[in-house]
Amino acid sequence: MLHKAVQVRLYPTKEQQTLLAQAFGCSRWWWNYALNKSIEVYKETGKGLGQVALNALLPKLKKEKDTEWLADCYSQVLQATTLNLTTAYKNFFDQRAGFPRFKSKHGKQSIQYPQNVKIVDGNVKLPGNIGVVKAKIHRPIEGKIKTCTVVKTPSGKYFASILTEVEGDQPNFTEGKIYGVDLGLKHFAVVTDGEKISKYDNPKHQAHHEKNLKRKQQKLARKQKGSNSRYKYRKVVAKVYERVSNSRQDFLHKLSYKLVSDSQAVIVENLHLLGMVRNHNLAKAISDCGWGTFINFLAYKLERKGGKLVEIDRWFPSSKLCSNCFYQMSEMSLDVREWTCPHCGTHHDRDGNAATNIRAEGIRMLKADGSAVSAVGGEVRPKMGRKSNLRHSPMSTEAPSAYAAG
């Protein structure tokens, strides 16, 4: 079985917007209540509350006078919220994510329907009292619908991410190029296929909107808190952020598709992004790049095609190693963009040399893993790898958010 996610734009009526707002509020309140309850129980007993224990609290809450409005919410929405919370806890304890955070009524709102969602005459039918919502479905939705995540963005737009299950086997290995990719700030990516080196400039999406964003944020800050004027103007600021996010996503999707379309494997460095953004001088620039999103895009697109994403260890000396004779420089500051190998005299462009070394190390790892590769050009360096990862990204069990589906 294969899983596919499709994001569609929704156009709910005024009445449906009110019903969705109530569902968002119920789901958000239950998430915060369940999270707080789990924290309290853990402090008292040293053990958390599981999915069954949390769901057992719901019938009593629906009968209490202060929280009887929970009964108006479609029950499976609340149960899906419980599942997502327990999954967030598991990811935290497995060190895959940070500790679950409380949700705010400001910002993005979301609910999830685990079943009973249907496509009716090109529109989306949601269970409960919401009914058929007008939608713009830009591509056919194939297979059985597993989950549907409905999102309202800060700018006021509605999206549905529909996860489907399609019958079929995993795609077989396909021959193609092997790309080594060095990610950076000046050049977003320096890519080599063993024969030529291509450089893709960093678009700096947020920097291009910085003046406009600063002006609008200052105007928002001057408006009185709690006023209707401030509430309306928050959407104006949110639209600027949305424009930045959309342009970044567009760039990352197009570049990842270009690399995946004719490749059998893409090799990147396993970057420690959380550590890198602690550098206050570079944090904004690094966050604006979206390297983590780019690597995730490569992972799922390669998996669909039958290719592989290889992540080499972040401590591998890709920049300081001569790709010709493998001589390793002891030190090399970041301002050195070109250098000459003292051993063989080869002149290197820093980023191009790093991409070449990343590619060679990735091919060595693929061969050590027993993978069939048809690498063309270049000797593969033996026994110089560190801790590494041949990544086969598993498909998520829930539909991604409105900005993550693609």
Protein backbone atom coordinates (compact mmCIF):
# COMPACT_ATOMS: atom_id res chain seq x y z
CA MET A 1 0.00 0.00 0.00
CA LEU A 2 1.14 3.52 -0.82
CA HIS A 3 0.09 6.73 0.91
CA LYS A 4 -0.41 10.03 -0.90
CA ALA A 5 -1.42 13.44 0.43
CA VAL A 6 -3.22 16.11 -1.60
CA GLN A 7 -3.85 19.64 -0.37
CA VAL A 8 -7.01 21.39 -1.59
CA ARG A 9 -8.38 24.88 -0.97
CA LEU A 10 -11.75 25.09 0.83
CA TYR A 11 -14.36 27.83 0.53
CA PRO A 12 -16.78 27.32 3.46
CA THR A 13 -19.96 29.39 3.80
CA LYS A 14 -20.41 31.81 6.72
CA GLU A 15 -22.38 29.15 8.61
CA GLN A 16 -19.72 26.51 7.92
CA GLN A 17 -16.99 28.93 9.04
CA THR A 18 -18.81 29.32 12.37
CA LEU A 19 -19.13 25.54 12.78
CA LEU A 20 -15.45 25.05 11.90
CA ALA A 21 -14.45 27.78 14.39
CA GLN A 22 -16.36 25.90 17.10
CA ALA A 23 -14.61 22.64 16.13
CA PHE A 24 -11.20 24.37 16.16
CA GLY A 25 -11.98 25.78 19.61
CA CYS A 26 -13.11 22.42 21.04
CA SER A 27 -10.07 20.60 19.64
CA ARG A 28 -7.70 23.29 20.92
CA TRP A 29 -9.29 23.34 24.40
CA TRP A 30 -9.17 19.54 24.65
CA TRP A 31 -5.50 19.47 23.55
CA ASN A 32 -4.55 22.03 26.22
CA TYR A 33 -6.65 20.32 28.92
CA ALA A 34 -5.24 16.86 28.11
CA LEU A 35 -1.67 18.18 27.94
CA ASN A 36 -2.04 19.94 31.30
CA LYS A 37 -3.61 16.81 32.83
CA SER A 38 -0.76 14.64 31.51
CA ILE A 39 1.84 17.01 32.99
CA GLU A 40 0.10 17.00 36.41
CA VAL A 41 -0.20 13.20 36.51
CA TYR A 42 3.43 12.79 35.44
CA LYS A 43 4.59 15.10 38.26
CA GLU A 44 2.55 13.12 40.81
CA THR A 45 3.19 9.55 39.65
CA GLY A 46 6.14 9.68 37.26
CA LYS A 47 3.94 8.18 34.54
CA GLY A 48 1.99 9.87 31.77
CA LEU A 49 -1.57 9.29 30.59
CA GLY A 50 -2.07 7.12 27.52
CA GLN A 51 -4.58 7.52 24.72
CA VAL A 52 -7.22 5.27 26.33
CA ALA A 53 -6.95 7.02 29.72
CA LEU A 54 -7.31 10.47 28.15
CA ASN A 55 -10.30 9.48 25.99
CA ALA A 56 -11.98 8.07 29.11
CA LEU A 57 -12.09 11.62 30.52
CA LEU A 58 -14.24 12.93 27.65
CA PRO A 59 -17.70 11.45 28.55
CA LYS A 60 -17.56 13.04 32.03
CA LEU A 61 -16.45 16.42 30.64
CA LYS A 62 -19.32 16.42 28.13
CA LYS A 63 -21.82 16.03 31.00
CA GLU A 64 -20.37 18.74 33.25
CA LYS A 65 -22.11 22.12 33.08
CA ASP A 66 -18.94 24.15 32.34
CA THR A 67 -17.81 21.91 29.48
CA GLU A 68 -21.05 20.47 28.11
CA TRP A 69 -20.36 22.33 24.83
CA LEU A 70 -17.78 19.63 24.04
CA ALA A 71 -20.72 17.35 23.17
CA ASP A 72 -21.49 19.59 20.16
CA CYS A 73 -18.11 18.72 18.60
CA TYR A 74 -17.85 15.66 16.34
CA SER A 75 -16.48 13.00 18.71
CA GLN A 76 -13.83 11.63 16.35
CA VAL A 77 -12.23 15.09 16.05
CA LEU A 78 -11.52 15.02 19.80
CA GLN A 79 -10.26 11.43 19.64
CA ALA A 80 -7.94 12.37 16.76
CA THR A 81 -6.64 15.24 18.92
CA THR A 82 -5.88 12.72 21.69
CA LEU A 83 -4.02 10.49 19.22
CA ASN A 84 -1.96 13.43 17.96
CA LEU A 85 -1.07 14.45 21.52
CA THR A 86 0.06 10.96 22.52
CA THR A 87 2.07 10.76 19.28
CA ALA A 88 3.70 14.12 20.14
CA TYR A 89 4.61 12.75 23.59
CA LYS A 90 6.09 9.60 22.04
CA ASN A 91 8.15 11.67 19.60
CA PHE A 92 9.45 13.74 22.52
CA PHE A 93 10.50 10.73 24.58
CA ASP A 94 12.10 9.15 21.48
CA GLN A 95 14.03 12.45 20.99
CA ARG A 96 12.48 13.08 17.57
CA ALA A 97 10.80 16.35 18.59
CA GLY A 98 10.52 18.92 21.37
CA PHE A 99 8.04 18.80 24.25
CA PRO A 100 4.39 19.32 23.17
CA ARG A 101 3.29 22.95 23.46
CA PHE A 102 -0.02 24.48 24.44
CA LYS A 103 -2.08 25.79 21.53
CA SER A 104 -3.20 29.40 21.11
CA LYS A 105 -6.39 30.73 19.53
CA HIS A 106 -4.15 33.10 17.57
CA GLY A 107 -2.34 31.71 14.54
CA LYS A 108 -3.02 28.55 12.57
CA GLN A 109 -5.99 26.39 13.63
CA SER A 110 -6.48 22.75 12.67
CA ILE A 111 -8.67 19.71 13.23
CA GLN A 112 -8.43 16.17 11.89
CA TYR A 113 -11.13 13.79 10.69
CA PRO A 114 -9.92 10.15 10.86
CA GLN A 115 -12.73 8.79 8.66
CA ASN A 116 -16.08 9.44 6.91
CA VAL A 117 -14.71 12.19 4.65
CA LYS A 118 -16.00 11.97 1.06
CA ILE A 119 -15.51 13.72 -2.28
CA VAL A 120 -18.93 14.76 -3.65
CA ASP A 121 -19.19 16.42 -7.08
CA GLY A 122 -15.72 17.95 -6.83
CA ASN A 123 -16.29 19.19 -3.26
CA VAL A 124 -15.32 17.86 0.17
CA LYS A 125 -18.00 16.43 2.46
CA LEU A 126 -17.00 16.61 6.12
CA PRO A 127 -18.78 14.48 8.75
CA GLY A 128 -20.95 15.90 11.51
CA ASN A 129 -23.06 18.98 10.92
CA ILE A 130 -20.66 20.73 8.52
CA GLY A 131 -21.66 18.88 5.34
CA VAL A 132 -20.40 19.57 1.81
CA VAL A 133 -17.77 22.34 1.62
CA LYS A 134 -16.98 23.97 -1.70
CA ALA A 135 -13.41 23.05 -2.75
CA LYS A 136 -10.91 23.56 -5.53
CA ILE A 137 -9.51 20.10 -6.27
CA HIS A 138 -6.61 20.61 -8.67
CA ARG A 139 -5.64 16.95 -9.07
CA PRO A 140 -7.55 13.65 -8.88
CA ILE A 141 -7.80 12.12 -5.41
CA GLU A 142 -7.06 8.42 -5.84
CA GLY A 143 -7.57 5.56 -3.43
CA LYS A 144 -9.28 5.28 -0.06
CA ILE A 145 -9.35 8.44 2.10
CA LYS A 146 -7.65 7.72 5.44
CA THR A 147 -7.57 11.12 7.16
CA CYS A 148 -8.46 14.73 6.38
CA THR A 149 -6.81 17.63 8.21
CA VAL A 150 -8.67 20.93 7.91
CA VAL A 151 -6.58 24.04 8.52
CA LYS A 152 -7.35 27.74 8.83
CA THR A 153 -4.25 29.87 8.19
CA PRO A 154 -3.57 33.14 10.07
CA SER A 155 -4.54 35.02 6.89
CA GLY A 156 -8.01 33.45 7.01
CA LYS A 157 -7.71 30.83 4.24
CA TYR A 158 -9.02 27.27 4.62
CA PHE A 159 -7.23 24.16 3.36
CA ALA A 160 -7.81 20.41 3.58
CA SER A 161 -4.91 17.95 3.46
CA ILE A 162 -6.38 14.62 2.35
CA LEU A 163 -4.33 11.48 2.97
CA THR A 164 -5.24 8.51 0.79
CA GLU A 165 -4.18 4.87 0.62
CA VAL A 166 -3.51 3.56 -2.88
CA GLU A 167 -2.99 -0.10 -3.79
CA GLY A 168 0.38 -0.87 -5.28
CA ASP A 169 3.91 -1.93 -4.45
CA GLN A 170 6.85 0.27 -3.59
CA PRO A 171 8.55 1.49 -6.79
CA ASN A 172 11.57 -0.48 -7.94
CA PHE A 173 15.09 0.93 -8.10
CA THR A 174 15.63 3.15 -11.14
CA GLU A 175 18.98 4.05 -12.65
CA GLY A 176 20.02 7.67 -12.89
CA LYS A 177 22.55 10.21 -11.72
CA ILE A 178 23.95 10.42 -8.21
CA TYR A 179 24.00 13.99 -6.91
CA GLY A 180 26.18 15.37 -4.14
CA VAL A 181 24.66 18.51 -2.58
CA ASP A 182 26.45 21.06 -0.40
CA LEU A 183 23.99 23.45 1.27
CA GLY A 184 25.04 26.99 2.13
CA LEU A 185 23.99 30.61 2.66
CA LYS A 186 25.46 32.45 -0.34
CA HIS A 187 24.59 29.59 -2.68
CA PHE A 188 21.56 27.69 -1.40
CA ALA A 189 22.90 24.51 -3.00
CA VAL A 190 26.05 23.53 -4.88
CA VAL A 191 25.29 20.33 -6.79
CA THR A 192 27.56 17.91 -8.64
CA ASP A 193 26.77 14.76 -10.60
CA GLY A 194 30.46 13.79 -10.91
CA GLU A 195 30.93 15.58 -14.23
CA LYS A 196 29.79 19.18 -13.71
CA ILE A 197 29.09 21.48 -10.77
CA SER A 198 25.93 23.62 -10.66
CA LYS A 199 25.32 26.48 -8.22
CA TYR A 200 21.84 27.62 -7.14
CA ASP A 201 21.78 31.06 -5.52
CA ASN A 202 19.99 31.62 -2.23
CA PRO A 203 16.73 33.47 -3.07
CA LYS A 204 16.62 35.12 0.43
CA HIS A 205 12.83 35.24 0.45
CA GLN A 206 12.38 36.94 3.82
CA ALA A 207 15.08 39.53 3.15
CA HIS A 208 13.19 40.67 0.04
CA HIS A 209 10.05 41.30 2.12
CA GLU A 210 11.82 42.62 5.23
CA LYS A 211 11.09 46.35 4.67
CA ASN A 212 7.43 45.74 3.93
CA LEU A 213 7.13 43.36 6.87
CA LYS A 214 8.81 45.77 9.30
CA ARG A 215 6.54 48.64 8.25
CA LYS A 216 3.38 46.57 8.67
CA GLN A 217 4.51 45.11 12.01
CA GLN A 218 5.19 48.61 13.36
CA LYS A 219 1.73 49.72 12.29
CA LEU A 220 0.20 46.65 13.96
CA ALA A 221 2.14 47.35 17.19
CA ARG A 222 0.61 50.85 17.38
CA LYS A 223 -2.97 49.52 17.30
CA GLN A 224 -4.78 49.02 20.58
CA LYS A 225 -4.75 45.48 21.90
CA GLY A 226 -8.12 43.80 21.70
CA SER A 227 -9.48 46.28 19.17
CA ASN A 228 -11.27 45.25 15.98
CA SER A 229 -8.77 47.30 13.98
CA ARG A 230 -5.86 45.29 15.41
CA TYR A 231 -7.69 42.02 14.71
CA LYS A 232 -8.19 42.99 11.06
CA TYR A 233 -4.64 44.24 10.58
CA ARG A 234 -3.18 41.00 11.96
CA LYS A 235 -4.45 39.37 8.75
CA VAL A 236 -2.56 41.96 6.68
CA VAL A 237 0.70 41.02 8.42
CA ALA A 238 -0.15 37.31 8.15
CA LYS A 239 -0.57 37.67 4.37
CA VAL A 240 3.00 38.99 4.04
CA TYR A 241 4.34 36.01 6.01
CA GLU A 242 2.20 33.72 3.85
CA ARG A 243 3.67 35.24 0.69
CA VAL A 244 7.19 34.60 2.01
CA SER A 245 6.30 31.03 2.96
CA ASN A 246 4.66 30.29 -0.41
CA SER A 247 7.60 31.64 -2.42
CA ARG A 248 10.03 29.58 -0.31
CA GLN A 249 7.93 26.42 -0.72
CA ASP A 250 7.73 27.00 -4.48
CA PHE A 251 11.52 27.30 -4.78
CA LEU A 252 12.18 24.22 -2.62
CA HIS A 253 9.63 22.07 -4.47
CA LYS A 254 10.99 23.02 -7.90
CA LEU A 255 14.65 22.44 -6.98
CA SER A 256 13.94 19.14 -5.20
CA TYR A 257 11.85 17.95 -8.17
CA LYS A 258 14.66 18.89 -10.58
CA LEU A 259 17.20 16.84 -8.63
CA VAL A 260 14.93 13.83 -8.09
CA SER A 261 13.58 13.62 -11.66
CA ASP A 262 16.78 12.14 -13.18
CA SER A 263 18.58 10.68 -10.14
CA GLN A 264 18.88 7.35 -8.37
CA ALA A 265 20.29 8.92 -5.19
CA VAL A 266 20.88 12.35 -3.65
CA ILE A 267 23.58 12.78 -1.02
CA VAL A 268 23.52 15.59 1.56
CA GLU A 269 25.12 16.40 4.92
CA ASN A 270 23.17 15.56 8.08
CA LEU A 271 22.99 19.13 9.40
CA HIS A 272 22.35 19.95 13.07
CA LEU A 273 19.91 22.77 12.37
CA LEU A 274 18.83 23.35 15.98
CA GLY A 275 22.45 23.92 16.96
CA MET A 276 23.14 26.14 13.95
CA VAL A 277 20.26 28.56 14.63
CA ARG A 278 21.69 29.23 18.11
CA ASN A 279 24.21 31.45 16.33
CA HIS A 280 22.33 34.76 16.61
CA ASN A 281 24.29 36.30 13.74
CA LEU A 282 23.14 33.63 11.28
CA ALA A 283 19.87 32.37 12.80
CA LYS A 284 17.57 34.46 10.58
CA ALA A 285 19.48 33.63 7.39
CA ILE A 286 19.58 29.89 8.20
CA SER A 287 15.85 29.79 9.05
CA ASP A 288 15.04 31.65 5.82
CA CYS A 289 16.83 28.97 3.74
CA GLY A 290 14.55 26.09 4.78
CA TRP A 291 17.25 23.41 4.55
CA GLY A 292 15.29 20.96 6.74
CA THR A 293 12.17 21.31 4.57
CA PHE A 294 14.28 20.85 1.44
CA ILE A 295 15.77 17.59 2.74
CA ASN A 296 12.28 16.33 3.67
CA PHE A 297 11.05 17.16 0.16
CA LEU A 298 13.96 15.22 -1.33
CA ALA A 299 13.24 12.27 0.98
CA TYR A 300 9.59 11.72 0.09
CA LYS A 301 10.05 12.44 -3.62
CA LEU A 302 12.94 9.97 -3.85
CA GLU A 303 10.94 7.37 -1.92
CA ARG A 304 8.01 7.68 -4.35
CA LYS A 305 10.38 7.16 -7.25
CA GLY A 306 12.40 4.32 -5.70
CA GLY A 307 15.54 6.39 -5.14
CA LYS A 308 17.52 6.98 -1.95
CA LEU A 309 18.45 9.94 0.17
CA VAL A 310 21.84 9.49 1.83
CA GLU A 311 22.84 11.71 4.74
CA ILE A 312 26.54 11.69 5.55
CA ASP A 313 27.80 12.58 9.00
CA ARG A 314 27.90 16.30 9.80
CA TRP A 315 31.53 16.00 11.04
CA PHE A 316 32.79 14.61 7.75
CA PRO A 317 35.49 17.10 6.56
CA SER A 318 33.95 17.77 3.16
CA SER A 319 35.36 21.31 2.82
CA LYS A 320 38.86 20.61 4.14
CA LEU A 321 39.50 17.45 2.08
CA CYS A 322 41.13 17.56 -1.34
CA SER A 323 38.81 15.72 -3.74
CA ASN A 324 41.79 14.85 -5.96
CA CYS A 325 44.35 13.33 -3.57
CA PHE A 326 42.36 13.19 -0.29
CA TYR A 327 44.84 15.40 1.59
CA GLN A 328 43.07 16.96 4.61
CA MET A 329 43.76 20.53 5.71
CA SER A 330 44.06 20.97 9.48
CA GLU A 331 42.18 24.31 9.63
CA MET A 332 40.10 26.35 7.20
CA SER A 333 38.14 29.44 8.24
CA LEU A 334 34.73 30.22 6.72
CA ASP A 335 36.03 33.25 4.79
CA VAL A 336 38.28 31.00 2.65
CA ARG A 337 36.22 30.41 -0.50
CA GLU A 338 39.06 29.05 -2.69
CA TRP A 339 42.19 27.12 -1.78
CA THR A 340 45.06 25.16 -3.32
CA CYS A 341 45.99 21.70 -2.08
CA PRO A 342 49.59 21.80 -0.71
CA HIS A 343 50.04 18.11 -1.59
CA CYS A 344 48.97 17.86 -5.24
CA GLY A 345 48.59 21.55 -6.20
CA THR A 346 44.92 21.25 -7.27
CA HIS A 347 43.03 24.55 -7.01
CA HIS A 348 39.59 24.15 -5.38
CA ASP A 349 36.43 26.16 -5.14
CA ARG A 350 35.42 25.49 -1.51
CA ASP A 351 31.74 24.65 -2.14
CA GLY A 352 32.33 22.71 -5.37
CA ASN A 353 35.03 20.63 -3.67
CA ALA A 354 32.70 19.96 -0.71
CA ALA A 355 29.89 18.77 -3.02
CA THR A 356 32.33 16.42 -4.80
CA ASN A 357 33.51 14.96 -1.48
CA ILE A 358 29.93 14.57 -0.24
CA ARG A 359 29.04 12.68 -3.41
CA ALA A 360 32.07 10.37 -3.16
CA GLU A 361 31.38 9.60 0.50
CA GLY A 362 27.72 8.88 -0.27
CA ILE A 363 28.64 6.45 -3.06
CA ARG A 364 31.03 4.67 -0.69
CA MET A 365 28.21 4.32 1.85
CA LEU A 366 25.77 3.02 -0.76
CA LYS A 367 28.24 0.35 -1.86
CA ALA A 368 29.01 -0.58 1.76
CA ASP A 369 25.25 -0.96 2.32
CA GLY A 370 25.09 -3.36 -0.63
CA SER A 371 22.94 -1.05 -2.73
CA ALA A 372 23.08 -1.36 -6.50
CA VAL A 373 24.47 1.89 -7.89
CA SER A 374 25.57 2.86 -11.37
CA ALA A 375 27.93 5.68 -10.41
CA VAL A 376 29.69 7.34 -13.33
CA GLY A 377 32.99 9.16 -12.99
CA GLY A 378 35.35 9.63 -10.07
CA GLU A 379 37.15 7.20 -7.79
CA VAL A 380 35.25 6.28 -4.65
CA ARG A 381 37.26 7.02 -1.51
CA PRO A 382 37.61 3.96 0.76
CA LYS A 383 37.15 3.79 4.55
CA MET A 384 36.97 7.49 5.31
CA GLY A 385 33.33 7.75 6.36
CA ARG A 386 31.99 8.55 9.81
CA LYS A 387 28.56 7.88 11.32
CA SER A 388 26.06 7.93 8.47
CA ASN A 389 22.47 7.31 7.49
CA LEU A 390 20.81 5.83 4.42
CA ARG A 391 17.50 7.54 4.79
CA HIS A 392 14.23 6.02 3.66
CA SER A 393 11.67 8.49 4.95
CA PRO A 394 8.48 6.72 6.16
CA MET A 395 5.16 8.18 5.04
CA SER A 396 3.33 10.03 7.80
CA THR A 397 0.23 8.41 9.25
CA GLU A 398 -1.61 11.71 9.11
CA ALA A 399 -2.05 14.32 6.42
CA PRO A 400 0.59 17.06 6.57
CA SER A 401 -0.26 20.64 7.36
CA ALA A 402 -1.49 23.09 4.74
CA TYR A 403 2.03 24.23 3.96
CA ALA A 404 3.67 20.83 4.06
CA ALA A 405 1.67 18.94 1.47
CA GLY A 406 2.97 19.09 -2.04
